[in-house]
Amino acid sequence: TRNVVLVHGGFVDGSGWRAVYDLLRADGSHVSIVQNPTLSLDGDATVT
């Protein structure tokens, strides 16, 4: 399990995960950050 997908909160965007992304990548993980539109829970779950 080397893949990690990060999902941000409602009042921010994916850039808030930058430090975590860098640490996980340095550890050899494949990391993706979801950029949710935060218009609806269904829409955000679909993007994820």
ModelCIF file with pLDDT and N, C-alpha, C, O atoms, coordinates in Angstrom:
data_MODEL
#
_entry.id   MODEL 
#
_entity.id                         1 
_entity.type                       polymer 
_entity.pdbx_number_of_molecules   1 
#
_entity_poly.entity_id                      1 
_entity_poly.type                           'polypeptide(L)' 
_entity_poly.nstd_linkage                   no 
_entity_poly.nstd_monomer                   no 
_entity_poly.pdbx_seq_one_letter_code       TRNVVLVHGGFVDGSGWRAVYDLLRADGSHVSIVQNPTLSLDGDATVT 
_entity_poly.pdbx_seq_one_letter_code_can   TRNVVLVHGGFVDGSGWRAVYDLLRADGSHVSIVQNPTLSLDGDATVT 
_entity_poly.pdbx_strand_id                 A 
#
loop_
_entity_poly_seq.entity_id 
_entity_poly_seq.num 
_entity_poly_seq.mon_id 
_entity_poly_seq.hetero 
1 1  THR n 
1 2  ARG n 
1 3  ASN n 
1 4  VAL n 
1 5  VAL n 
1 6  LEU n 
1 7  VAL n 
1 8  HIS n 
1 9  GLY n 
1 10 GLY n 
1 11 PHE n 
1 12 VAL n 
1 13 ASP n 
1 14 GLY n 
1 15 SER n 
1 16 GLY n 
1 17 TRP n 
1 18 ARG n 
1 19 ALA n 
1 20 VAL n 
1 21 TYR n 
1 22 ASP n 
1 23 LEU n 
1 24 LEU n 
1 25 ARG n 
1 26 ALA n 
1 27 ASP n 
1 28 GLY n 
1 29 SER n 
1 30 HIS n 
1 31 VAL n 
1 32 SER n 
1 33 ILE n 
1 34 VAL n 
1 35 GLN n 
1 36 ASN n 
1 37 PRO n 
1 38 THR n 
1 39 LEU n 
1 40 SER n 
1 41 LEU n 
1 42 ASP n 
1 43 GLY n 
1 44 ASP n 
1 45 ALA n 
1 46 THR n 
1 47 VAL n 
1 48 THR n 
#
_struct_asym.id          A 
_struct_asym.entity_id   1 
#
loop_
_ma_qa_metric.id 
_ma_qa_metric.mode 
_ma_qa_metric.name 
_ma_qa_metric.software_group_id 
_ma_qa_metric.type 
1 global pLDDT . pLDDT 
2 local  pLDDT . pLDDT 
#
_ma_qa_metric_global.metric_id      1 
_ma_qa_metric_global.metric_value   92.19 
_ma_qa_metric_global.model_id       1 
_ma_qa_metric_global.ordinal_id     1 
#
loop_
_ma_qa_metric_local.label_asym_id 
_ma_qa_metric_local.label_comp_id 
_ma_qa_metric_local.label_seq_id 
_ma_qa_metric_local.metric_id 
_ma_qa_metric_local.metric_value 
_ma_qa_metric_local.model_id 
_ma_qa_metric_local.ordinal_id 
A THR 1  2 77.00 1 1  
A ARG 2  2 92.00 1 2  
A ASN 3  2 97.00 1 3  
A VAL 4  2 97.00 1 4  
A VAL 5  2 98.00 1 5  
A LEU 6  2 97.00 1 6  
A VAL 7  2 96.00 1 7  
A HIS 8  2 92.00 1 8  
A GLY 9  2 85.00 1 9  
A GLY 10 2 77.00 1 10 
A PHE 11 2 76.00 1 11 
A VAL 12 2 81.00 1 12 
A ASP 13 2 87.00 1 13 
A GLY 14 2 90.00 1 14 
A SER 15 2 91.00 1 15 
A GLY 16 2 89.00 1 16 
A TRP 17 2 92.00 1 17 
A ARG 18 2 95.00 1 18 
A ALA 19 2 95.00 1 19 
A VAL 20 2 95.00 1 20 
A TYR 21 2 96.00 1 21 
A ASP 22 2 97.00 1 22 
A LEU 23 2 96.00 1 23 
A LEU 24 2 96.00 1 24 
A ARG 25 2 96.00 1 25 
A ALA 26 2 96.00 1 26 
A ASP 27 2 94.00 1 27 
A GLY 28 2 94.00 1 28 
A SER 29 2 96.00 1 29 
A HIS 30 2 97.00 1 30 
A VAL 31 2 98.00 1 31 
A SER 32 2 97.00 1 32 
A ILE 33 2 97.00 1 33 
A VAL 34 2 97.00 1 34 
A GLN 35 2 94.00 1 35 
A ASN 36 2 90.00 1 36 
A PRO 37 2 88.00 1 37 
A THR 38 2 84.00 1 38 
A LEU 39 2 86.00 1 39 
A SER 40 2 88.00 1 40 
A LEU 41 2 87.00 1 41 
A ASP 42 2 92.00 1 42 
A GLY 43 2 93.00 1 43 
A ASP 44 2 93.00 1 44 
A ALA 45 2 94.00 1 45 
A THR 46 2 96.00 1 46 
A VAL 47 2 97.00 1 47 
A THR 48 2 97.00 1 48 
#
loop_
_atom_site.group_PDB 
_atom_site.id 
_atom_site.type_symbol 
_atom_site.label_atom_id 
_atom_site.label_alt_id 
_atom_site.label_comp_id 
_atom_site.label_asym_id 
_atom_site.label_entity_id 
_atom_site.label_seq_id 
_atom_site.pdbx_PDB_ins_code 
_atom_site.Cartn_x 
_atom_site.Cartn_y 
_atom_site.Cartn_z 
_atom_site.occupancy 
_atom_site.B_iso_or_equiv 
_atom_site.pdbx_formal_charge 
_atom_site.auth_seq_id 
_atom_site.auth_comp_id 
_atom_site.auth_asym_id 
_atom_site.auth_atom_id 
_atom_site.pdbx_PDB_model_num 
ATOM 1   N N  . THR A 1 1  ? 0.862   -1.179 0.000  1.00 77.00 ? 1  THR A N  1 
ATOM 2   C CA . THR A 1 1  ? 0.000   0.000  0.000  1.00 77.00 ? 1  THR A CA 1 
ATOM 3   C C  . THR A 1 1  ? 0.898   1.228  0.000  1.00 77.00 ? 1  THR A C  1 
ATOM 4   O O  . THR A 1 1  ? 1.194   1.794  1.052  1.00 77.00 ? 1  THR A O  1 
ATOM 5   N N  . ARG A 1 2  ? 1.328   1.635  -1.192 1.00 92.00 ? 2  ARG A N  1 
ATOM 6   C CA . ARG A 1 2  ? 2.237   2.772  -1.297 1.00 92.00 ? 2  ARG A CA 1 
ATOM 7   C C  . ARG A 1 2  ? 1.534   4.022  -1.798 1.00 92.00 ? 2  ARG A C  1 
ATOM 8   O O  . ARG A 1 2  ? 2.147   5.086  -1.881 1.00 92.00 ? 2  ARG A O  1 
ATOM 9   N N  . ASN A 1 3  ? 0.260   3.907  -2.131 1.00 97.00 ? 3  ASN A N  1 
ATOM 10  C CA . ASN A 1 3  ? -0.506  5.049  -2.625 1.00 97.00 ? 3  ASN A CA 1 
ATOM 11  C C  . ASN A 1 3  ? -1.233  5.741  -1.481 1.00 97.00 ? 3  ASN A C  1 
ATOM 12  O O  . ASN A 1 3  ? -1.804  5.090  -0.606 1.00 97.00 ? 3  ASN A O  1 
ATOM 13  N N  . VAL A 1 4  ? -1.203  7.073  -1.500 1.00 97.00 ? 4  VAL A N  1 
ATOM 14  C CA . VAL A 1 4  ? -1.912  7.878  -0.516 1.00 97.00 ? 4  VAL A CA 1 
ATOM 15  C C  . VAL A 1 4  ? -2.671  8.957  -1.264 1.00 97.00 ? 4  VAL A C  1 
ATOM 16  O O  . VAL A 1 4  ? -2.107  9.647  -2.112 1.00 97.00 ? 4  VAL A O  1 
ATOM 17  N N  . VAL A 1 5  ? -3.952  9.103  -0.950 1.00 98.00 ? 5  VAL A N  1 
ATOM 18  C CA . VAL A 1 5  ? -4.771  10.176 -1.515 1.00 98.00 ? 5  VAL A CA 1 
ATOM 19  C C  . VAL A 1 5  ? -5.212  11.064 -0.363 1.00 98.00 ? 5  VAL A C  1 
ATOM 20  O O  . VAL A 1 5  ? -5.804  10.589 0.606  1.00 98.00 ? 5  VAL A O  1 
ATOM 21  N N  . LEU A 1 6  ? -4.917  12.365 -0.473 1.00 97.00 ? 6  LEU A N  1 
ATOM 22  C CA . LEU A 1 6  ? -5.215  13.346 0.570  1.00 97.00 ? 6  LEU A CA 1 
ATOM 23  C C  . LEU A 1 6  ? -6.401  14.206 0.151  1.00 97.00 ? 6  LEU A C  1 
ATOM 24  O O  . LEU A 1 6  ? -6.462  14.678 -0.984 1.00 97.00 ? 6  LEU A O  1 
ATOM 25  N N  . VAL A 1 7  ? -7.352  14.411 1.079  1.00 96.00 ? 7  VAL A N  1 
ATOM 26  C CA . VAL A 1 7  ? -8.564  15.192 0.808  1.00 96.00 ? 7  VAL A CA 1 
ATOM 27  C C  . VAL A 1 7  ? -8.633  16.345 1.804  1.00 96.00 ? 7  VAL A C  1 
ATOM 28  O O  . VAL A 1 7  ? -8.608  16.126 3.015  1.00 96.00 ? 7  VAL A O  1 
ATOM 29  N N  . HIS A 1 8  ? -8.720  17.567 1.297  1.00 92.00 ? 8  HIS A N  1 
ATOM 30  C CA . HIS A 1 8  ? -8.716  18.759 2.149  1.00 92.00 ? 8  HIS A CA 1 
ATOM 31  C C  . HIS A 1 8  ? -10.078 19.036 2.763  1.00 92.00 ? 8  HIS A C  1 
ATOM 32  O O  . HIS A 1 8  ? -11.082 18.422 2.405  1.00 92.00 ? 8  HIS A O  1 
ATOM 33  N N  . GLY A 1 9  ? -10.083 19.981 3.700  1.00 85.00 ? 9  GLY A N  1 
ATOM 34  C CA . GLY A 1 9  ? -11.303 20.404 4.365  1.00 85.00 ? 9  GLY A CA 1 
ATOM 35  C C  . GLY A 1 9  ? -12.083 21.419 3.556  1.00 85.00 ? 9  GLY A C  1 
ATOM 36  O O  . GLY A 1 9  ? -11.742 21.717 2.411  1.00 85.00 ? 9  GLY A O  1 
ATOM 37  N N  . GLY A 1 10 ? -13.132 21.947 4.163  1.00 77.00 ? 10 GLY A N  1 
ATOM 38  C CA . GLY A 1 10 ? -14.085 22.788 3.454  1.00 77.00 ? 10 GLY A CA 1 
ATOM 39  C C  . GLY A 1 10 ? -13.677 24.215 3.191  1.00 77.00 ? 10 GLY A C  1 
ATOM 40  O O  . GLY A 1 10 ? -14.163 24.801 2.224  1.00 77.00 ? 10 GLY A O  1 
ATOM 41  N N  . PHE A 1 11 ? -12.815 24.810 3.992  1.00 76.00 ? 11 PHE A N  1 
ATOM 42  C CA . PHE A 1 11 ? -12.488 26.228 3.835  1.00 76.00 ? 11 PHE A CA 1 
ATOM 43  C C  . PHE A 1 11 ? -11.068 26.444 3.341  1.00 76.00 ? 11 PHE A C  1 
ATOM 44  O O  . PHE A 1 11 ? -10.522 27.541 3.468  1.00 76.00 ? 11 PHE A O  1 
ATOM 45  N N  . VAL A 1 12 ? -10.467 25.403 2.777  1.00 81.00 ? 12 VAL A N  1 
ATOM 46  C CA . VAL A 1 12 ? -9.100  25.459 2.273  1.00 81.00 ? 12 VAL A CA 1 
ATOM 47  C C  . VAL A 1 12 ? -9.035  24.739 0.938  1.00 81.00 ? 12 VAL A C  1 
ATOM 48  O O  . VAL A 1 12 ? -10.061 24.300 0.419  1.00 81.00 ? 12 VAL A O  1 
ATOM 49  N N  . ASP A 1 13 ? -7.844  24.613 0.379  1.00 87.00 ? 13 ASP A N  1 
ATOM 50  C CA . ASP A 1 13 ? -7.694  23.807 -0.830 1.00 87.00 ? 13 ASP A CA 1 
ATOM 51  C C  . ASP A 1 13 ? -6.556  22.809 -0.628 1.00 87.00 ? 13 ASP A C  1 
ATOM 52  O O  . ASP A 1 13 ? -5.973  22.723 0.453  1.00 87.00 ? 13 ASP A O  1 
ATOM 53  N N  . GLY A 1 14 ? -6.255  22.071 -1.669 1.00 90.00 ? 14 GLY A N  1 
ATOM 54  C CA . GLY A 1 14 ? -5.266  21.007 -1.574 1.00 90.00 ? 14 GLY A CA 1 
ATOM 55  C C  . GLY A 1 14 ? -3.873  21.453 -1.204 1.00 90.00 ? 14 GLY A C  1 
ATOM 56  O O  . GLY A 1 14 ? -3.072  20.643 -0.738 1.00 90.00 ? 14 GLY A O  1 
ATOM 57  N N  . SER A 1 15 ? -3.558  22.740 -1.401 1.00 91.00 ? 15 SER A N  1 
ATOM 58  C CA . SER A 1 15 ? -2.209  23.215 -1.094 1.00 91.00 ? 15 SER A CA 1 
ATOM 59  C C  . SER A 1 15 ? -1.878  23.097 0.394  1.00 91.00 ? 15 SER A C  1 
ATOM 60  O O  . SER A 1 15 ? -0.705  23.087 0.769  1.00 91.00 ? 15 SER A O  1 
ATOM 61  N N  . GLY A 1 16 ? -2.899  23.007 1.237  1.00 89.00 ? 16 GLY A N  1 
ATOM 62  C CA . GLY A 1 16 ? -2.666  22.846 2.670  1.00 89.00 ? 16 GLY A CA 1 
ATOM 63  C C  . GLY A 1 16 ? -1.978  21.537 3.027  1.00 89.00 ? 16 GLY A C  1 
ATOM 64  O O  . GLY A 1 16 ? -1.442  21.397 4.127  1.00 89.00 ? 16 GLY A O  1 
ATOM 65  N N  . TRP A 1 17 ? -1.990  20.574 2.105  1.00 92.00 ? 17 TRP A N  1 
ATOM 66  C CA . TRP A 1 17 ? -1.350  19.278 2.326  1.00 92.00 ? 17 TRP A CA 1 
ATOM 67  C C  . TRP A 1 17 ? 0.114   19.272 1.900  1.00 92.00 ? 17 TRP A C  1 
ATOM 68  O O  . TRP A 1 17 ? 0.750   18.221 1.981  1.00 92.00 ? 17 TRP A O  1 
ATOM 69  N N  . ARG A 1 18 ? 0.680   20.389 1.450  1.00 95.00 ? 18 ARG A N  1 
ATOM 70  C CA . ARG A 1 18 ? 2.022   20.408 0.858  1.00 95.00 ? 18 ARG A CA 1 
ATOM 71  C C  . ARG A 1 18 ? 3.092   19.765 1.744  1.00 95.00 ? 18 ARG A C  1 
ATOM 72  O O  . ARG A 1 18 ? 3.869   18.939 1.267  1.00 95.00 ? 18 ARG A O  1 
ATOM 73  N N  . ALA A 1 19 ? 3.139   20.129 3.006  1.00 95.00 ? 19 ALA A N  1 
ATOM 74  C CA . ALA A 1 19 ? 4.178   19.578 3.888  1.00 95.00 ? 19 ALA A CA 1 
ATOM 75  C C  . ALA A 1 19 ? 4.027   18.063 4.042  1.00 95.00 ? 19 ALA A C  1 
ATOM 76  O O  . ALA A 1 19 ? 5.020   17.335 4.043  1.00 95.00 ? 19 ALA A O  1 
ATOM 77  N N  . VAL A 1 20 ? 2.789   17.591 4.170  1.00 95.00 ? 20 VAL A N  1 
ATOM 78  C CA . VAL A 1 20 ? 2.530   16.148 4.289  1.00 95.00 ? 20 VAL A CA 1 
ATOM 79  C C  . VAL A 1 20 ? 2.904   15.446 2.982  1.00 95.00 ? 20 VAL A C  1 
ATOM 80  O O  . VAL A 1 20 ? 3.517   14.379 2.992  1.00 95.00 ? 20 VAL A O  1 
ATOM 81  N N  . TYR A 1 21 ? 2.529   16.055 1.870  1.00 96.00 ? 21 TYR A N  1 
ATOM 82  C CA . TYR A 1 21 ? 2.874   15.519 0.547  1.00 96.00 ? 21 TYR A CA 1 
ATOM 83  C C  . TYR A 1 21 ? 4.389   15.327 0.448  1.00 96.00 ? 21 TYR A C  1 
ATOM 84  O O  . TYR A 1 21 ? 4.860   14.257 0.062  1.00 96.00 ? 21 TYR A O  1 
ATOM 85  N N  . ASP A 1 22 ? 5.145   16.367 0.798  1.00 97.00 ? 22 ASP A N  1 
ATOM 86  C CA . ASP A 1 22 ? 6.608   16.294 0.692  1.00 97.00 ? 22 ASP A CA 1 
ATOM 87  C C  . ASP A 1 22 ? 7.180   15.184 1.568  1.00 97.00 ? 22 ASP A C  1 
ATOM 88  O O  . ASP A 1 22 ? 8.071   14.455 1.130  1.00 97.00 ? 22 ASP A O  1 
ATOM 89  N N  . LEU A 1 23 ? 6.683   15.042 2.798  1.00 96.00 ? 23 LEU A N  1 
ATOM 90  C CA . LEU A 1 23 ? 7.169   13.995 3.693  1.00 96.00 ? 23 LEU A CA 1 
ATOM 91  C C  . LEU A 1 23 ? 6.857   12.592 3.158  1.00 96.00 ? 23 LEU A C  1 
ATOM 92  O O  . LEU A 1 23 ? 7.712   11.707 3.183  1.00 96.00 ? 23 LEU A O  1 
ATOM 93  N N  . LEU A 1 24 ? 5.643   12.404 2.683  1.00 96.00 ? 24 LEU A N  1 
ATOM 94  C CA . LEU A 1 24 ? 5.251   11.091 2.164  1.00 96.00 ? 24 LEU A CA 1 
ATOM 95  C C  . LEU A 1 24 ? 6.026   10.733 0.900  1.00 96.00 ? 24 LEU A C  1 
ATOM 96  O O  . LEU A 1 24 ? 6.433   9.585  0.724  1.00 96.00 ? 24 LEU A O  1 
ATOM 97  N N  . ARG A 1 25 ? 6.230   11.704 0.027  1.00 96.00 ? 25 ARG A N  1 
ATOM 98  C CA . ARG A 1 25 ? 7.008   11.463 -1.202 1.00 96.00 ? 25 ARG A CA 1 
ATOM 99  C C  . ARG A 1 25 ? 8.448   11.096 -0.848 1.00 96.00 ? 25 ARG A C  1 
ATOM 100 O O  . ARG A 1 25 ? 9.033   10.195 -1.449 1.00 96.00 ? 25 ARG A O  1 
ATOM 101 N N  . ALA A 1 26 ? 9.007   11.794 0.120  1.00 96.00 ? 26 ALA A N  1 
ATOM 102 C CA . ALA A 1 26 ? 10.386  11.496 0.543  1.00 96.00 ? 26 ALA A CA 1 
ATOM 103 C C  . ALA A 1 26 ? 10.493  10.089 1.119  1.00 96.00 ? 26 ALA A C  1 
ATOM 104 O O  . ALA A 1 26 ? 11.564  9.481  1.097  1.00 96.00 ? 26 ALA A O  1 
ATOM 105 N N  . ASP A 1 27 ? 9.382   9.577  1.633  1.00 94.00 ? 27 ASP A N  1 
ATOM 106 C CA . ASP A 1 27 ? 9.346   8.230  2.207  1.00 94.00 ? 27 ASP A CA 1 
ATOM 107 C C  . ASP A 1 27 ? 9.053   7.165  1.152  1.00 94.00 ? 27 ASP A C  1 
ATOM 108 O O  . ASP A 1 27 ? 8.995   5.978  1.470  1.00 94.00 ? 27 ASP A O  1 
ATOM 109 N N  . GLY A 1 28 ? 8.869   7.581  -0.099 1.00 94.00 ? 28 GLY A N  1 
ATOM 110 C CA . GLY A 1 28 ? 8.661   6.622  -1.183 1.00 94.00 ? 28 GLY A CA 1 
ATOM 111 C C  . GLY A 1 28 ? 7.217   6.368  -1.558 1.00 94.00 ? 28 GLY A C  1 
ATOM 112 O O  . GLY A 1 28 ? 6.939   5.478  -2.362 1.00 94.00 ? 28 GLY A O  1 
ATOM 113 N N  . SER A 1 29 ? 6.303   7.118  -1.003 1.00 96.00 ? 29 SER A N  1 
ATOM 114 C CA . SER A 1 29 ? 4.886   6.926  -1.316 1.00 96.00 ? 29 SER A CA 1 
ATOM 115 C C  . SER A 1 29 ? 4.509   7.674  -2.598 1.00 96.00 ? 29 SER A C  1 
ATOM 116 O O  . SER A 1 29 ? 5.111   8.694  -2.935 1.00 96.00 ? 29 SER A O  1 
ATOM 117 N N  . HIS A 1 30 ? 3.514   7.157  -3.296 1.00 97.00 ? 30 HIS A N  1 
ATOM 118 C CA . HIS A 1 30 ? 2.899   7.853  -4.422 1.00 97.00 ? 30 HIS A CA 1 
ATOM 119 C C  . HIS A 1 30 ? 1.730   8.625  -3.827 1.00 97.00 ? 30 HIS A C  1 
ATOM 120 O O  . HIS A 1 30 ? 0.822   8.025  -3.252 1.00 97.00 ? 30 HIS A O  1 
ATOM 121 N N  . VAL A 1 31 ? 1.739   9.949  -3.958 1.00 98.00 ? 31 VAL A N  1 
ATOM 122 C CA . VAL A 1 31 ? 0.761   10.785 -3.280 1.00 98.00 ? 31 VAL A CA 1 
ATOM 123 C C  . VAL A 1 31 ? -0.030  11.608 -4.282 1.00 98.00 ? 31 VAL A C  1 
ATOM 124 O O  . VAL A 1 31 ? 0.534   12.226 -5.185 1.00 98.00 ? 31 VAL A O  1 
ATOM 125 N N  . SER A 1 32 ? -1.354  11.608 -4.107 1.00 97.00 ? 32 SER A N  1 
ATOM 126 C CA . SER A 1 32 ? -2.244  12.455 -4.905 1.00 97.00 ? 32 SER A CA 1 
ATOM 127 C C  . SER A 1 32 ? -3.043  13.324 -3.939 1.00 97.00 ? 32 SER A C  1 
ATOM 128 O O  . SER A 1 32 ? -3.427  12.882 -2.857 1.00 97.00 ? 32 SER A O  1 
ATOM 129 N N  . ILE A 1 33 ? -3.284  14.563 -4.349 1.00 97.00 ? 33 ILE A N  1 
ATOM 130 C CA . ILE A 1 33 ? -4.085  15.481 -3.547 1.00 97.00 ? 33 ILE A CA 1 
ATOM 131 C C  . ILE A 1 33 ? -5.340  15.806 -4.340 1.00 97.00 ? 33 ILE A C  1 
ATOM 132 O O  . ILE A 1 33 ? -5.258  16.283 -5.471 1.00 97.00 ? 33 ILE A O  1 
ATOM 133 N N  . VAL A 1 34 ? -6.498  15.549 -3.750 1.00 97.00 ? 34 VAL A N  1 
ATOM 134 C CA . VAL A 1 34 ? -7.779  15.839 -4.402 1.00 97.00 ? 34 VAL A CA 1 
ATOM 135 C C  . VAL A 1 34 ? -8.061  17.331 -4.259 1.00 97.00 ? 34 VAL A C  1 
ATOM 136 O O  . VAL A 1 34 ? -7.976  17.883 -3.163 1.00 97.00 ? 34 VAL A O  1 
ATOM 137 N N  . GLN A 1 35 ? -8.389  17.965 -5.350 1.00 94.00 ? 35 GLN A N  1 
ATOM 138 C CA . GLN A 1 35 ? -8.777  19.377 -5.323 1.00 94.00 ? 35 GLN A CA 1 
ATOM 139 C C  . GLN A 1 35 ? -10.298 19.419 -5.454 1.00 94.00 ? 35 GLN A C  1 
ATOM 140 O O  . GLN A 1 35 ? -10.839 19.572 -6.549 1.00 94.00 ? 35 GLN A O  1 
ATOM 141 N N  . ASN A 1 36 ? -10.974 19.280 -4.311 1.00 90.00 ? 36 ASN A N  1 
ATOM 142 C CA . ASN A 1 36 ? -12.441 19.264 -4.312 1.00 90.00 ? 36 ASN A CA 1 
ATOM 143 C C  . ASN A 1 36 ? -13.011 20.636 -4.638 1.00 90.00 ? 36 ASN A C  1 
ATOM 144 O O  . ASN A 1 36 ? -12.464 21.651 -4.208 1.00 90.00 ? 36 ASN A O  1 
ATOM 145 N N  . PRO A 1 37 ? -14.106 20.676 -5.396 1.00 88.00 ? 37 PRO A N  1 
ATOM 146 C CA . PRO A 1 37 ? -14.761 21.957 -5.657 1.00 88.00 ? 37 PRO A CA 1 
ATOM 147 C C  . PRO A 1 37 ? -15.544 22.474 -4.448 1.00 88.00 ? 37 PRO A C  1 
ATOM 148 O O  . PRO A 1 37 ? -15.887 23.655 -4.403 1.00 88.00 ? 37 PRO A O  1 
ATOM 149 N N  . THR A 1 38 ? -15.829 21.626 -3.482 1.00 84.00 ? 38 THR A N  1 
ATOM 150 C CA . THR A 1 38 ? -16.590 21.919 -2.259 1.00 84.00 ? 38 THR A CA 1 
ATOM 151 C C  . THR A 1 38 ? -17.937 22.591 -2.541 1.00 84.00 ? 38 THR A C  1 
ATOM 152 O O  . THR A 1 38 ? -18.358 23.495 -1.819 1.00 84.00 ? 38 THR A O  1 
ATOM 153 N N  . LEU A 1 39 ? -18.599 22.134 -3.601 1.00 86.00 ? 39 LEU A N  1 
ATOM 154 C CA . LEU A 1 39 ? -19.946 22.611 -3.901 1.00 86.00 ? 39 LEU A CA 1 
ATOM 155 C C  . LEU A 1 39 ? -21.007 21.707 -3.301 1.00 86.00 ? 39 LEU A C  1 
ATOM 156 O O  . LEU A 1 39 ? -22.092 22.162 -2.938 1.00 86.00 ? 39 LEU A O  1 
ATOM 157 N N  . SER A 1 40 ? -20.683 20.406 -3.197 1.00 88.00 ? 40 SER A N  1 
ATOM 158 C CA . SER A 1 40 ? -21.595 19.448 -2.578 1.00 88.00 ? 40 SER A CA 1 
ATOM 159 C C  . SER A 1 40 ? -20.798 18.230 -2.137 1.00 88.00 ? 40 SER A C  1 
ATOM 160 O O  . SER A 1 40 ? -19.746 17.927 -2.700 1.00 88.00 ? 40 SER A O  1 
ATOM 161 N N  . LEU A 1 41 ? -21.302 17.540 -1.136 1.00 87.00 ? 41 LEU A N  1 
ATOM 162 C CA . LEU A 1 41 ? -20.636 16.329 -0.671 1.00 87.00 ? 41 LEU A CA 1 
ATOM 163 C C  . LEU A 1 41 ? -20.601 15.286 -1.783 1.00 87.00 ? 41 LEU A C  1 
ATOM 164 O O  . LEU A 1 41 ? -19.579 14.630 -1.983 1.00 87.00 ? 41 LEU A O  1 
ATOM 165 N N  . ASP A 1 42 ? -21.703 15.127 -2.504 1.00 92.00 ? 42 ASP A N  1 
ATOM 166 C CA . ASP A 1 42 ? -21.730 14.151 -3.600 1.00 92.00 ? 42 ASP A CA 1 
ATOM 167 C C  . ASP A 1 42 ? -20.686 14.480 -4.662 1.00 92.00 ? 42 ASP A C  1 
ATOM 168 O O  . ASP A 1 42 ? -19.988 13.593 -5.153 1.00 92.00 ? 42 ASP A O  1 
ATOM 169 N N  . GLY A 1 43 ? -20.585 15.760 -5.012 1.00 93.00 ? 43 GLY A N  1 
ATOM 170 C CA . GLY A 1 43 ? -19.606 16.175 -6.012 1.00 93.00 ? 43 GLY A CA 1 
ATOM 171 C C  . GLY A 1 43 ? -18.178 15.944 -5.551 1.00 93.00 ? 43 GLY A C  1 
ATOM 172 O O  . GLY A 1 43 ? -17.328 15.506 -6.326 1.00 93.00 ? 43 GLY A O  1 
ATOM 173 N N  . ASP A 1 44 ? -17.919 16.239 -4.286 1.00 93.00 ? 44 ASP A N  1 
ATOM 174 C CA . ASP A 1 44 ? -16.578 16.041 -3.746 1.00 93.00 ? 44 ASP A CA 1 
ATOM 175 C C  . ASP A 1 44 ? -16.233 14.556 -3.663 1.00 93.00 ? 44 ASP A C  1 
ATOM 176 O O  . ASP A 1 44 ? -15.092 14.173 -3.920 1.00 93.00 ? 44 ASP A O  1 
ATOM 177 N N  . ALA A 1 45 ? -17.199 13.723 -3.310 1.00 94.00 ? 45 ALA A N  1 
ATOM 178 C CA . ALA A 1 45 ? -16.967 12.280 -3.270 1.00 94.00 ? 45 ALA A CA 1 
ATOM 179 C C  . ALA A 1 45 ? -16.722 11.746 -4.680 1.00 94.00 ? 45 ALA A C  1 
ATOM 180 O O  . ALA A 1 45 ? -15.903 10.846 -4.867 1.00 94.00 ? 45 ALA A O  1 
ATOM 181 N N  . THR A 1 46 ? -17.422 12.290 -5.664 1.00 96.00 ? 46 THR A N  1 
ATOM 182 C CA . THR A 1 46 ? -17.220 11.869 -7.063 1.00 96.00 ? 46 THR A CA 1 
ATOM 183 C C  . THR A 1 46 ? -15.806 12.205 -7.526 1.00 96.00 ? 46 THR A C  1 
ATOM 184 O O  . THR A 1 46 ? -15.135 11.368 -8.129 1.00 96.00 ? 46 THR A O  1 
ATOM 185 N N  . VAL A 1 47 ? -15.352 13.425 -7.246 1.00 97.00 ? 47 VAL A N  1 
ATOM 186 C CA . VAL A 1 47 ? -13.993 13.825 -7.628 1.00 97.00 ? 47 VAL A CA 1 
ATOM 187 C C  . VAL A 1 47 ? -12.973 12.930 -6.924 1.00 97.00 ? 47 VAL A C  1 
ATOM 188 O O  . VAL A 1 47 ? -11.985 12.522 -7.534 1.00 97.00 ? 47 VAL A O  1 
ATOM 189 N N  . THR A 1 48 ? -13.200 12.629 -5.667 1.00 97.00 ? 48 THR A N  1 
ATOM 190 C CA . THR A 1 48 ? -12.288 11.764 -4.915 1.00 97.00 ? 48 THR A CA 1 
ATOM 191 C C  . THR A 1 48 ? -12.263 10.366 -5.507 1.00 97.00 ? 48 THR A C  1 
ATOM 192 O O  . THR A 1 48 ? -11.551 9.496  -5.006 1.00 97.00 ? 48 THR A O  1 
#
